[in-house]
Amino acid sequence: EGIGTVSNVEGSFTLEIEDIHKYLGATLLFSSLGYKK
C-alpha cells in the first residue's frame, strides 16, 4: 500500500495513516533480518 516506515536505531517508530477508515481491515507487517515476521 505504500504506507510504511523503518524503526530507528533504538527500535522506536512513528507511522502515519491518513485515511484510517480505508485500512480498518488491514494488517501491519513487521519484518527484520534474524526475526520472525
PDB file of all heavy atoms in Angstrom:
ATOM      1  N   GLU A   1       0.809  -1.219   0.000  1.00  0.00           N
ATOM      2  CA  GLU A   1       0.000   0.000   0.000  1.00  0.00           C
ATOM      3  C   GLU A   1       0.845   1.274   0.000  1.00  0.00           C
ATOM      4  O   GLU A   1       0.293   2.374  -0.034  1.00  0.00           O
ATOM      5  CB  GLU A   1      -0.932   0.019   1.219  1.00  0.00           C
ATOM      6  CG  GLU A   1      -2.041  -1.015   1.152  1.00  0.00           C
ATOM      7  CD  GLU A   1      -3.033  -0.751   0.033  1.00  0.00           C
ATOM      8  OE1 GLU A   1      -3.100   0.392  -0.464  1.00  0.00           O
ATOM      9  OE2 GLU A   1      -3.745  -1.692  -0.357  1.00  0.00           O
ATOM     10  N   GLY A   2       2.157   1.168   0.057  1.00  0.00           N
ATOM     11  CA  GLY A   2       2.995   2.351   0.055  1.00  0.00           C
ATOM     12  C   GLY A   2       2.904   3.156   1.336  1.00  0.00           C
ATOM     13  O   GLY A   2       3.214   4.352   1.351  1.00  0.00           O
ATOM     14  N   ILE A   3       2.458   2.534   2.408  1.00  0.00           N
ATOM     15  CA  ILE A   3       2.370   3.178   3.723  1.00  0.00           C
ATOM     16  C   ILE A   3       3.292   2.416   4.660  1.00  0.00           C
ATOM     17  O   ILE A   3       3.013   1.269   5.016  1.00  0.00           O
ATOM     18  CB  ILE A   3       0.932   3.168   4.270  1.00  0.00           C
ATOM     19  CG1 ILE A   3       0.011   3.960   3.335  1.00  0.00           C
ATOM     20  CG2 ILE A   3       0.884   3.745   5.678  1.00  0.00           C
ATOM     21  CD1 ILE A   3      -1.451   3.874   3.716  1.00  0.00           C
ATOM     22  N   GLY A   4       4.405   3.042   5.013  1.00  0.00           N
ATOM     23  CA  GLY A   4       5.346   2.314   5.850  1.00  0.00           C
ATOM     24  C   GLY A   4       6.443   3.213   6.382  1.00  0.00           C
ATOM     25  O   GLY A   4       6.553   4.387   6.027  1.00  0.00           O
ATOM     26  N   THR A   5       7.269   2.638   7.245  1.00  0.00           N
ATOM     27  CA  THR A   5       8.397   3.358   7.822  1.00  0.00           C
ATOM     28  C   THR A   5       9.430   2.338   8.279  1.00  0.00           C
ATOM     29  O   THR A   5       9.275   1.129   8.077  1.00  0.00           O
ATOM     30  CB  THR A   5       7.938   4.261   8.987  1.00  0.00           C
ATOM     31  OG1 THR A   5       9.005   5.110   9.380  1.00  0.00           O
ATOM     32  CG2 THR A   5       7.485   3.433  10.188  1.00  0.00           C
ATOM     33  N   VAL A   6      10.491   2.831   8.929  1.00  0.00           N
ATOM     34  CA  VAL A   6      11.548   1.975   9.460  1.00  0.00           C
ATOM     35  C   VAL A   6      11.837   2.433  10.889  1.00  0.00           C
ATOM     36  O   VAL A   6      11.907   3.635  11.162  1.00  0.00           O
ATOM     37  CB  VAL A   6      12.834   2.091   8.608  1.00  0.00           C
ATOM     38  CG1 VAL A   6      13.957   1.261   9.212  1.00  0.00           C
ATOM     39  CG2 VAL A   6      12.563   1.651   7.173  1.00  0.00           C
ATOM     40  N   SER A   7      11.984   1.492  11.805  1.00  0.00           N
ATOM     41  CA  SER A   7      12.327   1.869  13.178  1.00  0.00           C
ATOM     42  C   SER A   7      13.733   2.461  13.218  1.00  0.00           C
ATOM     43  O   SER A   7      14.581   2.143  12.375  1.00  0.00           O
ATOM     44  CB  SER A   7      12.239   0.645  14.104  1.00  0.00           C
ATOM     45  OG  SER A   7      13.218  -0.321  13.763  1.00  0.00           O
ATOM     46  N   ASN A   8      13.992   3.339  14.202  1.00  0.00           N
ATOM     47  CA  ASN A   8      15.314   3.954  14.293  1.00  0.00           C
ATOM     48  C   ASN A   8      16.277   3.026  15.033  1.00  0.00           C
ATOM     49  O   ASN A   8      15.953   1.869  15.330  1.00  0.00           O
ATOM     50  CB  ASN A   8      15.229   5.339  14.942  1.00  0.00           C
ATOM     51  CG  ASN A   8      14.772   5.287  16.391  1.00  0.00           C
ATOM     52  OD1 ASN A   8      14.793   4.228  17.035  1.00  0.00           O
ATOM     53  ND2 ASN A   8      14.370   6.420  16.932  1.00  0.00           N
ATOM     54  N   VAL A   9      17.451   3.534  15.356  1.00  0.00           N
ATOM     55  CA  VAL A   9      18.484   2.692  15.938  1.00  0.00           C
ATOM     56  C   VAL A   9      18.073   2.136  17.305  1.00  0.00           C
ATOM     57  O   VAL A   9      18.566   1.092  17.745  1.00  0.00           O
ATOM     58  CB  VAL A   9      19.815   3.475  16.036  1.00  0.00           C
ATOM     59  CG1 VAL A   9      19.732   4.577  17.077  1.00  0.00           C
ATOM     60  CG2 VAL A   9      20.989   2.548  16.300  1.00  0.00           C
ATOM     61  N   GLU A  10      17.149   2.817  18.003  1.00  0.00           N
ATOM     62  CA  GLU A  10      16.667   2.313  19.304  1.00  0.00           C
ATOM     63  C   GLU A  10      15.440   1.410  19.157  1.00  0.00           C
ATOM     64  O   GLU A  10      14.934   0.878  20.144  1.00  0.00           O
ATOM     65  CB  GLU A  10      16.304   3.474  20.222  1.00  0.00           C
ATOM     66  CG  GLU A  10      17.484   4.254  20.762  1.00  0.00           C
ATOM     67  CD  GLU A  10      17.952   5.324  19.798  1.00  0.00           C
ATOM     68  OE1 GLU A  10      17.117   5.751  18.957  1.00  0.00           O
ATOM     69  OE2 GLU A  10      19.119   5.730  19.864  1.00  0.00           O
ATOM     70  N   GLY A  11      14.928   1.268  17.936  1.00  0.00           N
ATOM     71  CA  GLY A  11      13.742   0.456  17.719  1.00  0.00           C
ATOM     72  C   GLY A  11      12.442   1.240  17.722  1.00  0.00           C
ATOM     73  O   GLY A  11      11.371   0.674  17.507  1.00  0.00           O
ATOM     74  N   SER A  12      12.508   2.552  17.956  1.00  0.00           N
ATOM     75  CA  SER A  12      11.291   3.381  18.006  1.00  0.00           C
ATOM     76  C   SER A  12      10.823   3.745  16.604  1.00  0.00           C
ATOM     77  O   SER A  12      11.632   3.842  15.674  1.00  0.00           O
ATOM     78  CB  SER A  12      11.559   4.655  18.807  1.00  0.00           C
ATOM     79  OG  SER A  12      11.941   4.343  20.132  1.00  0.00           O
ATOM     80  N   PHE A  13       9.526   3.996  16.459  1.00  0.00           N
ATOM     81  CA  PHE A  13       8.980   4.334  15.148  1.00  0.00           C
ATOM     82  C   PHE A  13       7.713   5.179  15.295  1.00  0.00           C
ATOM     83  O   PHE A  13       7.053   5.171  16.340  1.00  0.00           O
ATOM     84  CB  PHE A  13       8.645   3.078  14.342  1.00  0.00           C
ATOM     85  CG  PHE A  13       7.471   2.294  14.879  1.00  0.00           C
ATOM     86  CD1 PHE A  13       6.179   2.519  14.402  1.00  0.00           C
ATOM     87  CD2 PHE A  13       7.639   1.339  15.870  1.00  0.00           C
ATOM     88  CE1 PHE A  13       5.097   1.813  14.893  1.00  0.00           C
ATOM     89  CE2 PHE A  13       6.568   0.618  16.373  1.00  0.00           C
ATOM     90  CZ  PHE A  13       5.293   0.861  15.881  1.00  0.00           C
ATOM     91  N   THR A  14       7.381   5.890  14.234  1.00  0.00           N
ATOM     92  CA  THR A  14       6.109   6.598  14.099  1.00  0.00           C
ATOM     93  C   THR A  14       5.559   6.312  12.720  1.00  0.00           C
ATOM     94  O   THR A  14       6.254   6.503  11.717  1.00  0.00           O
ATOM     95  CB  THR A  14       6.288   8.118  14.277  1.00  0.00           C
ATOM     96  OG1 THR A  14       6.816   8.386  15.576  1.00  0.00           O
ATOM     97  CG2 THR A  14       4.954   8.843  14.106  1.00  0.00           C
ATOM     98  N   LEU A  15       4.341   5.848  12.644  1.00  0.00           N
ATOM     99  CA  LEU A  15       3.701   5.550  11.367  1.00  0.00           C
ATOM    100  C   LEU A  15       2.414   6.344  11.260  1.00  0.00           C
ATOM    101  O   LEU A  15       1.543   6.242  12.121  1.00  0.00           O
ATOM    102  CB  LEU A  15       3.399   4.048  11.250  1.00  0.00           C
ATOM    103  CG  LEU A  15       2.694   3.614   9.960  1.00  0.00           C
ATOM    104  CD1 LEU A  15       3.586   3.864   8.757  1.00  0.00           C
ATOM    105  CD2 LEU A  15       2.300   2.143  10.030  1.00  0.00           C
ATOM    106  N   GLU A  16       2.319   7.140  10.198  1.00  0.00           N
ATOM    107  CA  GLU A  16       1.130   7.948   9.958  1.00  0.00           C
ATOM    108  C   GLU A  16       0.262   7.294   8.892  1.00  0.00           C
ATOM    109  O   GLU A  16       0.753   6.947   7.814  1.00  0.00           O
ATOM    110  CB  GLU A  16       1.529   9.356   9.492  1.00  0.00           C
ATOM    111  CG  GLU A  16       2.505  10.077  10.409  1.00  0.00           C
ATOM    112  CD  GLU A  16       1.821  10.700  11.608  1.00  0.00           C
ATOM    113  OE1 GLU A  16       0.595  10.515  11.748  1.00  0.00           O
ATOM    114  OE2 GLU A  16       2.495  11.372  12.391  1.00  0.00           O
ATOM    115  N   ILE A  17      -1.035   7.137   9.198  1.00  0.00           N
ATOM    116  CA  ILE A  17      -2.003   6.608   8.228  1.00  0.00           C
ATOM    117  C   ILE A  17      -3.068   7.667   8.023  1.00  0.00           C
ATOM    118  O   ILE A  17      -3.773   8.039   8.964  1.00  0.00           O
ATOM    119  CB  ILE A  17      -2.624   5.286   8.715  1.00  0.00           C
ATOM    120  CG1 ILE A  17      -1.518   4.248   8.978  1.00  0.00           C
ATOM    121  CG2 ILE A  17      -3.623   4.747   7.699  1.00  0.00           C
ATOM    122  CD1 ILE A  17      -2.022   2.955   9.554  1.00  0.00           C
ATOM    123  N   GLU A  18      -3.182   8.159   6.812  1.00  0.00           N
ATOM    124  CA  GLU A  18      -4.053   9.308   6.552  1.00  0.00           C
ATOM    125  C   GLU A  18      -5.537   8.962   6.631  1.00  0.00           C
ATOM    126  O   GLU A  18      -6.303   9.632   7.314  1.00  0.00           O
ATOM    127  CB  GLU A  18      -3.740   9.886   5.171  1.00  0.00           C
ATOM    128  CG  GLU A  18      -4.591  11.096   4.833  1.00  0.00           C
ATOM    129  CD  GLU A  18      -4.286  11.633   3.455  1.00  0.00           C
ATOM    130  OE1 GLU A  18      -3.475  11.027   2.739  1.00  0.00           O
ATOM    131  OE2 GLU A  18      -4.871  12.664   3.091  1.00  0.00           O
ATOM    132  N   ASP A  19      -5.943   7.924   5.934  1.00  0.00           N
ATOM    133  CA  ASP A  19      -7.365   7.559   5.874  1.00  0.00           C
ATOM    134  C   ASP A  19      -7.552   6.216   6.567  1.00  0.00           C
ATOM    135  O   ASP A  19      -7.575   5.171   5.932  1.00  0.00           O
ATOM    136  CB  ASP A  19      -7.820   7.498   4.421  1.00  0.00           C
ATOM    137  CG  ASP A  19      -9.325   7.247   4.300  1.00  0.00           C
ATOM    138  OD1 ASP A  19      -9.995   7.151   5.350  1.00  0.00           O
ATOM    139  OD2 ASP A  19      -9.817   7.154   3.163  1.00  0.00           O
ATOM    140  N   ILE A  20      -7.685   6.271   7.874  1.00  0.00           N
ATOM    141  CA  ILE A  20      -7.769   5.024   8.633  1.00  0.00           C
ATOM    142  C   ILE A  20      -9.001   4.215   8.280  1.00  0.00           C
ATOM    143  O   ILE A  20      -9.011   2.987   8.352  1.00  0.00           O
ATOM    144  CB  ILE A  20      -7.710   5.314  10.156  1.00  0.00           C
ATOM    145  CG1 ILE A  20      -7.582   4.000  10.937  1.00  0.00           C
ATOM    146  CG2 ILE A  20      -8.926   6.111  10.596  1.00  0.00           C
ATOM    147  CD1 ILE A  20      -6.380   3.175  10.557  1.00  0.00           C
ATOM    148  N   HIS A  21     -10.086   4.896   7.856  1.00  0.00           N
ATOM    149  CA  HIS A  21     -11.308   4.170   7.502  1.00  0.00           C
ATOM    150  C   HIS A  21     -11.057   3.188   6.346  1.00  0.00           C
ATOM    151  O   HIS A  21     -11.670   2.127   6.275  1.00  0.00           O
ATOM    152  CB  HIS A  21     -12.410   5.158   7.117  1.00  0.00           C
ATOM    153  CG  HIS A  21     -12.702   6.162   8.193  1.00  0.00           C
ATOM    154  ND1 HIS A  21     -13.177   5.801   9.432  1.00  0.00           N
ATOM    155  CD2 HIS A  21     -12.558   7.519   8.217  1.00  0.00           C
ATOM    156  CE1 HIS A  21     -13.322   6.896  10.184  1.00  0.00           C
ATOM    157  NE2 HIS A  21     -12.952   7.944   9.466  1.00  0.00           N
ATOM    158  N   LYS A  22     -10.142   3.556   5.469  1.00  0.00           N
ATOM    159  CA  LYS A  22      -9.823   2.711   4.317  1.00  0.00           C
ATOM    160  C   LYS A  22      -9.070   1.450   4.733  1.00  0.00           C
ATOM    161  O   LYS A  22      -9.138   0.424   4.049  1.00  0.00           O
ATOM    162  CB  LYS A  22      -8.992   3.511   3.310  1.00  0.00           C
ATOM    163  CG  LYS A  22      -8.606   2.748   2.055  1.00  0.00           C
ATOM    164  CD  LYS A  22      -7.809   3.639   1.121  1.00  0.00           C
ATOM    165  CE  LYS A  22      -7.364   2.873  -0.120  1.00  0.00           C
ATOM    166  NZ  LYS A  22      -6.558   3.726  -1.045  1.00  0.00           N
ATOM    167  N   TYR A  23      -8.364   1.528   5.876  1.00  0.00           N
ATOM    168  CA  TYR A  23      -7.475   0.430   6.257  1.00  0.00           C
ATOM    169  C   TYR A  23      -7.893  -0.257   7.550  1.00  0.00           C
ATOM    170  O   TYR A  23      -7.072  -0.905   8.197  1.00  0.00           O
ATOM    171  CB  TYR A  23      -6.043   0.958   6.383  1.00  0.00           C
ATOM    172  CG  TYR A  23      -5.516   1.525   5.093  1.00  0.00           C
ATOM    173  CD1 TYR A  23      -5.385   2.902   4.918  1.00  0.00           C
ATOM    174  CD2 TYR A  23      -5.164   0.689   4.043  1.00  0.00           C
ATOM    175  CE1 TYR A  23      -4.906   3.437   3.729  1.00  0.00           C
ATOM    176  CE2 TYR A  23      -4.682   1.211   2.850  1.00  0.00           C
ATOM    177  CZ  TYR A  23      -4.573   2.583   2.695  1.00  0.00           C
ATOM    178  OH  TYR A  23      -4.094   3.095   1.508  1.00  0.00           O
ATOM    179  N   LEU A  24      -9.162  -0.127   7.935  1.00  0.00           N
ATOM    180  CA  LEU A  24      -9.613  -0.752   9.180  1.00  0.00           C
ATOM    181  C   LEU A  24      -9.409  -2.263   9.172  1.00  0.00           C
ATOM    182  O   LEU A  24      -9.146  -2.872  10.208  1.00  0.00           O
ATOM    183  CB  LEU A  24     -11.081  -0.422   9.423  1.00  0.00           C
ATOM    184  CG  LEU A  24     -11.373   0.984   9.948  1.00  0.00           C
ATOM    185  CD1 LEU A  24     -12.877   1.213  10.036  1.00  0.00           C
ATOM    186  CD2 LEU A  24     -10.717   1.202  11.311  1.00  0.00           C
ATOM    187  N   GLY A  25      -9.520  -2.858   8.004  1.00  0.00           N
ATOM    188  CA  GLY A  25      -9.356  -4.310   7.927  1.00  0.00           C
ATOM    189  C   GLY A  25      -7.963  -4.747   7.554  1.00  0.00           C
ATOM    190  O   GLY A  25      -7.716  -5.945   7.363  1.00  0.00           O
ATOM    191  N   ALA A  26      -7.035  -3.793   7.470  1.00  0.00           N
ATOM    192  CA  ALA A  26      -5.667  -4.111   7.042  1.00  0.00           C
ATOM    193  C   ALA A  26      -4.810  -4.578   8.218  1.00  0.00           C
ATOM    194  O   ALA A  26      -5.199  -4.479   9.382  1.00  0.00           O
ATOM    195  CB  ALA A  26      -5.038  -2.897   6.376  1.00  0.00           C
ATOM    196  N   THR A  27      -3.637  -5.068   7.880  1.00  0.00           N
ATOM    197  CA  THR A  27      -2.706  -5.587   8.881  1.00  0.00           C
ATOM    198  C   THR A  27      -1.342  -4.940   8.712  1.00  0.00           C
ATOM    199  O   THR A  27      -0.851  -4.792   7.588  1.00  0.00           O
ATOM    200  CB  THR A  27      -2.558  -7.115   8.740  1.00  0.00           C
ATOM    201  OG1 THR A  27      -3.832  -7.727   8.974  1.00  0.00           O
ATOM    202  CG2 THR A  27      -1.550  -7.661   9.740  1.00  0.00           C
ATOM    203  N   LEU A  28      -0.728  -4.554   9.827  1.00  0.00           N
ATOM    204  CA  LEU A  28       0.644  -4.054   9.799  1.00  0.00           C
ATOM    205  C   LEU A  28       1.605  -5.238   9.828  1.00  0.00           C
ATOM    206  O   LEU A  28       1.432  -6.175  10.608  1.00  0.00           O
ATOM    207  CB  LEU A  28       0.925  -3.160  11.004  1.00  0.00           C
ATOM    208  CG  LEU A  28       0.246  -1.798  11.057  1.00  0.00           C
ATOM    209  CD1 LEU A  28       0.610  -1.089  12.355  1.00  0.00           C
ATOM    210  CD2 LEU A  28       0.658  -0.953   9.863  1.00  0.00           C
ATOM    211  N   LEU A  29       2.612  -5.179   8.959  1.00  0.00           N
ATOM    212  CA  LEU A  29       3.626  -6.224   8.920  1.00  0.00           C
ATOM    213  C   LEU A  29       4.947  -5.664   9.439  1.00  0.00           C
ATOM    214  O   LEU A  29       5.409  -4.609   9.002  1.00  0.00           O
ATOM    215  CB  LEU A  29       3.811  -6.744   7.496  1.00  0.00           C
ATOM    216  CG  LEU A  29       4.888  -7.820   7.310  1.00  0.00           C
ATOM    217  CD1 LEU A  29       4.533  -9.087   8.090  1.00  0.00           C
ATOM    218  CD2 LEU A  29       5.079  -8.142   5.830  1.00  0.00           C
ATOM    219  N   PHE A  30       5.552  -6.376  10.382  1.00  0.00           N
ATOM    220  CA  PHE A  30       6.860  -6.023  10.929  1.00  0.00           C
ATOM    221  C   PHE A  30       7.843  -7.106  10.481  1.00  0.00           C
ATOM    222  O   PHE A  30       7.606  -8.296  10.739  1.00  0.00           O
ATOM    223  CB  PHE A  30       6.824  -5.964  12.455  1.00  0.00           C
ATOM    224  CG  PHE A  30       5.956  -4.869  13.011  1.00  0.00           C
ATOM    225  CD1 PHE A  30       4.572  -4.981  12.992  1.00  0.00           C
ATOM    226  CD2 PHE A  30       6.516  -3.719  13.558  1.00  0.00           C
ATOM    227  CE1 PHE A  30       3.759  -3.981  13.508  1.00  0.00           C
ATOM    228  CE2 PHE A  30       5.716  -2.713  14.073  1.00  0.00           C
ATOM    229  CZ  PHE A  30       4.335  -2.832  14.044  1.00  0.00           C
ATOM    230  N   SER A  31       8.935  -6.717   9.834  1.00  0.00           N
ATOM    231  CA  SER A  31       9.916  -7.708   9.384  1.00  0.00           C
ATOM    232  C   SER A  31      11.334  -7.168   9.560  1.00  0.00           C
ATOM    233  O   SER A  31      11.589  -5.974   9.392  1.00  0.00           O
ATOM    234  CB  SER A  31       9.678  -8.087   7.918  1.00  0.00           C
ATOM    235  OG  SER A  31       9.835  -6.973   7.061  1.00  0.00           O
ATOM    236  N   SER A  32      12.256  -8.073   9.897  1.00  0.00           N
ATOM    237  CA  SER A  32      13.642  -7.689  10.118  1.00  0.00           C
ATOM    238  C   SER A  32      14.528  -8.916   9.951  1.00  0.00           C
ATOM    239  O   SER A  32      14.106 -10.048  10.240  1.00  0.00           O
ATOM    240  CB  SER A  32      13.818  -7.113  11.531  1.00  0.00           C
ATOM    241  OG  SER A  32      15.158  -6.750  11.772  1.00  0.00           O
ATOM    242  N   LEU A  33      15.749  -8.699   9.495  1.00  0.00           N
ATOM    243  CA  LEU A  33      16.698  -9.796   9.374  1.00  0.00           C
ATOM    244  C   LEU A  33      16.908 -10.448  10.734  1.00  0.00           C
ATOM    245  O   LEU A  33      17.121  -9.769  11.736  1.00  0.00           O
ATOM    246  CB  LEU A  33      18.041  -9.287   8.853  1.00  0.00           C
ATOM    247  CG  LEU A  33      18.092  -8.807   7.404  1.00  0.00           C
ATOM    248  CD1 LEU A  33      19.463  -8.208   7.101  1.00  0.00           C
ATOM    249  CD2 LEU A  33      17.800  -9.944   6.443  1.00  0.00           C
ATOM    250  N   GLY A  34      16.824 -11.779  10.773  1.00  0.00           N
ATOM    251  CA  GLY A  34      17.064 -12.510  12.008  1.00  0.00           C
ATOM    252  C   GLY A  34      15.862 -12.655  12.908  1.00  0.00           C
ATOM    253  O   GLY A  34      15.984 -13.182  14.017  1.00  0.00           O
ATOM    254  N   TYR A  35      14.675 -12.197  12.441  1.00  0.00           N
ATOM    255  CA  TYR A  35      13.462 -12.288  13.268  1.00  0.00           C
ATOM    256  C   TYR A  35      12.292 -12.845  12.460  1.00  0.00           C
ATOM    257  O   TYR A  35      12.224 -12.678  11.238  1.00  0.00           O
ATOM    258  CB  TYR A  35      13.080 -10.907  13.814  1.00  0.00           C
ATOM    259  CG  TYR A  35      14.028 -10.392  14.858  1.00  0.00           C
ATOM    260  CD1 TYR A  35      15.173  -9.689  14.489  1.00  0.00           C
ATOM    261  CD2 TYR A  35      13.806 -10.631  16.211  1.00  0.00           C
ATOM    262  CE1 TYR A  35      16.074  -9.221  15.449  1.00  0.00           C
ATOM    263  CE2 TYR A  35      14.689 -10.172  17.176  1.00  0.00           C
ATOM    264  CZ  TYR A  35      15.822  -9.470  16.788  1.00  0.00           C
ATOM    265  OH  TYR A  35      16.701  -9.021  17.738  1.00  0.00           O
ATOM    266  N   LYS A  36      11.383 -13.518  13.165  1.00  0.00           N
ATOM    267  CA  LYS A  36      10.155 -13.982  12.532  1.00  0.00           C
ATOM    268  C   LYS A  36       9.253 -12.784  12.241  1.00  0.00           C
ATOM    269  O   LYS A  36       9.169 -11.851  13.041  1.00  0.00           O
ATOM    270  CB  LYS A  36       9.430 -14.968  13.447  1.00  0.00           C
ATOM    271  CG  LYS A  36      10.200 -16.255  13.713  1.00  0.00           C
ATOM    272  CD  LYS A  36       9.421 -17.179  14.642  1.00  0.00           C
ATOM    273  CE  LYS A  36      10.220 -18.456  14.934  1.00  0.00           C
ATOM    274  NZ  LYS A  36       9.482 -19.366  15.863  1.00  0.00           N
ATOM    275  N   LYS A  37       8.596 -12.807  11.112  1.00  0.00           N
ATOM    276  CA  LYS A  37       7.688 -11.717  10.769  1.00  0.00           C
ATOM    277  C   LYS A  37       6.553 -11.643  11.779  1.00  0.00           C
ATOM    278  O   LYS A  37       6.105 -12.655  12.316  1.00  0.00           O
ATOM    279  CB  LYS A  37       7.130 -11.913   9.362  1.00  0.00           C
ATOM    280  CG  LYS A  37       8.173 -11.777   8.260  1.00  0.00           C
ATOM    281  CD  LYS A  37       7.559 -11.963   6.882  1.00  0.00           C
ATOM    282  CE  LYS A  37       8.608 -11.787   5.801  1.00  0.00           C
ATOM    283  NZ  LYS A  37       8.047 -11.964   4.437  1.00  0.00           N
TER     284      LYS A  37
END
